[in-house]
């Protein structure tokens, strides 16, 4: 008799979530929160912990890039105002 192994539910695939940048950011942040919660329990095998850690690092980078992009958009929106106020 062979033992059947049931895999743990997978987190979202590493591919980019659909939707606008805000939706992608929120989705990435939610997935990152889920990863942190799973890892904080401390009951994962080493290989799974490493896989989740790698995914978490990738999500952190995506979130930082999204925030940098949003900051640049805000600066660009405010730039004409600053130029008009200087005259």
Foldseek 3Di string as FASTA:
>chain_A
DDDDDDDDDDQDDLDQDDDDLVVSLVSLVVSLVVLVVVVVVVPDDPVVNVVSVVSNVVSVVSNVVSVVVVVVVVCVVCVVVVVVVVD
